[in-house]
Amino acid sequence: MPFKTGFAGRLAATAMLMALASCTTSNIASVEEPAPTPMTGKTNDPAPGFETVAAGSEEDFILNVGRRIYFAQDSATLDSVAMATLDSQAAWLSRNPAWLIKLQGFADDSGSESKMQTLSQKRADAAMAYLVSKGVDAKRMWAKGYGKDREVRDCTDRSCKVQNRRVVTNLRKEPDAV
């Protein structure tokens, strides 16, 4: 009766596994996973895996403040959404004075490479000037335009290209080497 033997063998193996699983040993350290923060379904629930982000950390800045602002085509003018993000950045930077920032400007607009380089620098400079106007010390910041380098997306669709028309605020502990 091979079926009974096979079944009996599987049953015995299952019983042994269950018995082993219930055993404990003092040689194995018990590591308890922190209980996840319960999700309430509200907008401000912490993202799973980010419940323990330390205030004032780079992760805090990226997740809770935002590091990107966007621009209209061929423009270095800050719109209300960009200003709101920069307002949040200025407030965060005033609470965390140890951080320096590098403002990186980018362009993906019509025109020559030199025009895009100039436009991307104007975008980074506009963000820096705004942050200075909100009380952030200019000595804590520097701005660099990268033109069309470092595109987020290589595309021709307008809704896609806007992702490349941006300034990214990167936190630093010390200034970049010149």
Protein backbone atom coordinates (compact mmCIF):
# COMPACT_ATOMS: atom_id res chain seq x y z
CA MET A 1 0.00 0.00 0.00
CA PRO A 2 2.26 2.79 -1.22
CA PHE A 3 -0.40 5.49 -0.69
CA LYS A 4 -0.66 4.74 3.04
CA THR A 5 3.12 4.66 3.40
CA GLY A 6 3.47 7.94 1.47
CA PHE A 7 0.67 9.52 3.44
CA ALA A 8 1.98 8.16 6.75
CA GLY A 9 5.47 9.44 5.86
CA ARG A 10 4.14 12.90 5.07
CA LEU A 11 2.10 12.88 8.26
CA ALA A 12 5.15 11.92 10.33
CA ALA A 13 7.28 14.59 8.66
CA THR A 14 4.59 17.21 9.30
CA ALA A 15 4.36 16.17 12.95
CA MET A 16 8.16 16.45 13.33
CA LEU A 17 8.20 19.91 11.73
CA MET A 18 5.43 21.07 14.03
CA ALA A 19 7.29 19.71 17.06
CA LEU A 20 10.51 21.44 15.98
CA ALA A 21 8.71 24.70 15.36
CA SER A 22 7.37 24.70 18.90
CA CYS A 23 10.86 24.19 20.38
CA THR A 24 12.88 27.15 21.60
CA THR A 25 16.55 27.41 22.27
CA SER A 26 18.52 29.88 24.29
CA ASN A 27 21.20 30.03 21.56
CA ILE A 28 18.92 31.88 19.13
CA ALA A 29 18.31 35.53 19.89
CA SER A 30 14.70 36.51 19.71
CA VAL A 31 14.34 39.63 17.59
CA GLU A 32 10.99 41.27 17.76
CA GLU A 33 9.89 43.32 14.79
CA PRO A 34 8.53 46.71 15.82
CA ALA A 35 4.79 46.82 15.55
CA PRO A 36 3.80 48.73 12.42
CA THR A 37 1.92 51.94 12.92
CA PRO A 38 -1.74 51.17 12.32
CA MET A 39 -3.09 52.61 9.10
CA THR A 40 -6.18 54.71 9.64
CA GLY A 41 -6.83 55.51 5.99
CA LYS A 42 -6.10 59.20 6.52
CA THR A 43 -3.96 61.29 4.19
CA ASN A 44 -1.19 61.84 6.74
CA ASP A 45 -0.69 58.19 7.67
CA PRO A 46 3.01 57.31 7.60
CA ALA A 47 4.04 55.35 4.54
CA PRO A 48 4.71 51.71 5.43
CA GLY A 49 8.39 51.32 6.22
CA PHE A 50 8.83 55.02 6.99
CA GLU A 51 7.18 55.17 10.41
CA THR A 52 10.50 55.77 12.17
CA VAL A 53 11.94 58.56 10.00
CA ALA A 54 13.86 60.86 12.33
CA ALA A 55 12.89 64.52 12.40
CA GLY A 56 15.63 66.62 10.81
CA SER A 57 16.98 63.75 8.72
CA GLU A 58 17.40 63.73 4.96
CA GLU A 59 14.54 61.23 4.76
CA ASP A 60 12.36 63.63 6.75
CA PHE A 61 13.16 66.41 4.29
CA ILE A 62 12.43 64.28 1.22
CA LEU A 63 9.23 62.68 2.57
CA ASN A 64 7.69 65.50 4.56
CA VAL A 65 8.89 68.68 2.87
CA GLY A 66 9.64 67.89 -0.77
CA ARG A 67 12.80 68.58 -2.70
CA ARG A 68 11.57 69.31 -6.24
CA ILE A 69 9.92 72.31 -7.80
CA TYR A 70 8.82 72.59 -11.44
CA PHE A 71 8.67 75.35 -14.03
CA ALA A 72 6.67 76.30 -17.10
CA GLN A 73 8.34 75.96 -20.49
CA ASP A 74 11.17 78.45 -21.10
CA SER A 75 10.54 80.07 -17.70
CA ALA A 76 12.45 80.57 -14.47
CA THR A 77 9.44 82.13 -12.72
CA LEU A 78 8.28 80.45 -9.53
CA ASP A 79 4.59 79.59 -9.47
CA SER A 80 2.45 79.30 -6.32
CA VAL A 81 3.08 75.55 -5.98
CA ALA A 82 6.86 76.05 -6.20
CA MET A 83 6.68 78.87 -3.65
CA ALA A 84 4.66 76.69 -1.25
CA THR A 85 7.30 73.95 -1.48
CA LEU A 86 10.10 76.48 -0.97
CA ASP A 87 8.21 77.93 2.03
CA SER A 88 8.19 74.45 3.56
CA GLN A 89 11.88 74.03 2.77
CA ALA A 90 12.72 77.39 4.39
CA ALA A 91 10.81 76.46 7.55
CA TRP A 92 12.50 73.04 7.70
CA LEU A 93 15.95 74.56 7.13
CA SER A 94 15.38 77.09 9.93
CA ARG A 95 14.60 74.18 12.29
CA ASN A 96 17.65 72.25 11.06
CA PRO A 97 20.51 74.75 10.77
CA ALA A 98 23.26 72.12 10.41
CA TRP A 99 22.18 71.31 6.85
CA LEU A 100 23.55 73.04 3.75
CA ILE A 101 21.76 72.80 0.41
CA LYS A 102 22.73 72.53 -3.21
CA LEU A 103 20.06 73.76 -5.60
CA GLN A 104 20.36 71.93 -8.90
CA GLY A 105 18.57 73.47 -11.88
CA PHE A 106 17.56 71.56 -15.01
CA ALA A 107 15.97 72.41 -18.34
CA ASP A 108 14.34 70.44 -21.13
CA ASP A 109 13.00 73.22 -23.27
CA SER A 110 13.41 74.50 -26.79
CA GLY A 111 16.71 76.11 -27.64
CA SER A 112 20.43 75.61 -27.78
CA GLU A 113 22.50 73.86 -25.15
CA SER A 114 23.89 77.21 -23.94
CA LYS A 115 20.35 78.63 -23.67
CA MET A 116 19.28 75.60 -21.60
CA GLN A 117 22.38 75.93 -19.41
CA THR A 118 21.51 79.59 -18.75
CA LEU A 119 17.83 78.79 -18.11
CA SER A 120 18.66 75.98 -15.67
CA GLN A 121 21.01 78.30 -13.77
CA LYS A 122 18.28 80.99 -13.63
CA ARG A 123 15.88 78.41 -12.19
CA ALA A 124 18.33 77.38 -9.48
CA ASP A 125 19.12 81.05 -8.74
CA ALA A 126 15.40 81.89 -8.51
CA ALA A 127 14.89 79.14 -5.92
CA MET A 128 17.93 80.34 -3.96
CA ALA A 129 16.78 83.98 -4.01
CA TYR A 130 13.35 82.92 -2.77
CA LEU A 131 14.83 80.90 0.09
CA VAL A 132 17.03 83.86 1.05
CA SER A 133 13.92 86.08 1.06
CA LYS A 134 12.40 83.61 3.55
CA GLY A 135 15.35 83.92 5.93
CA VAL A 136 17.67 81.10 4.86
CA ASP A 137 21.29 82.29 5.04
CA ALA A 138 22.81 82.49 1.55
CA LYS A 139 26.04 81.04 2.96
CA ARG A 140 24.22 77.73 3.50
CA MET A 141 23.33 77.39 -0.20
CA TRP A 142 24.78 77.25 -3.66
CA ALA A 143 23.09 76.90 -7.04
CA LYS A 144 24.20 75.06 -10.17
CA GLY A 145 22.48 74.77 -13.52
CA TYR A 146 22.91 71.56 -15.49
CA GLY A 147 21.04 72.39 -18.69
CA LYS A 148 19.62 69.29 -20.34
CA ASP A 149 21.97 66.94 -18.47
CA ARG A 150 20.45 64.46 -16.05
CA GLU A 151 16.96 64.25 -17.52
CA VAL A 152 14.39 62.42 -15.45
CA ARG A 153 12.69 61.27 -18.66
CA ASP A 154 13.80 61.41 -22.27
CA CYS A 155 10.57 62.13 -24.10
CA THR A 156 8.74 64.49 -26.42
CA ASP A 157 5.29 64.56 -24.80
CA ARG A 158 4.61 67.85 -22.97
CA SER A 159 3.31 66.16 -19.80
CA CYS A 160 6.49 64.12 -19.68
CA LYS A 161 8.95 66.94 -20.46
CA VAL A 162 7.71 69.06 -17.55
CA GLN A 163 9.35 66.55 -15.18
CA ASN A 164 12.73 67.72 -16.51
CA ARG A 165 12.01 71.44 -15.94
CA ARG A 166 12.90 71.44 -12.30
CA VAL A 167 15.10 72.49 -9.41
CA VAL A 168 16.09 69.79 -6.94
CA THR A 169 17.15 70.74 -3.42
CA ASN A 170 19.83 68.36 -2.14
CA LEU A 171 20.94 68.40 1.48
CA ARG A 172 24.65 68.47 2.22
CA LYS A 173 26.77 68.34 5.39
CA GLU A 174 29.56 70.31 3.69
CA PRO A 175 29.97 72.33 0.48
CA ASP A 176 30.84 70.52 -2.74
CA ALA A 177 34.48 70.64 -3.75
CA VAL A 178 35.04 73.26 -6.44
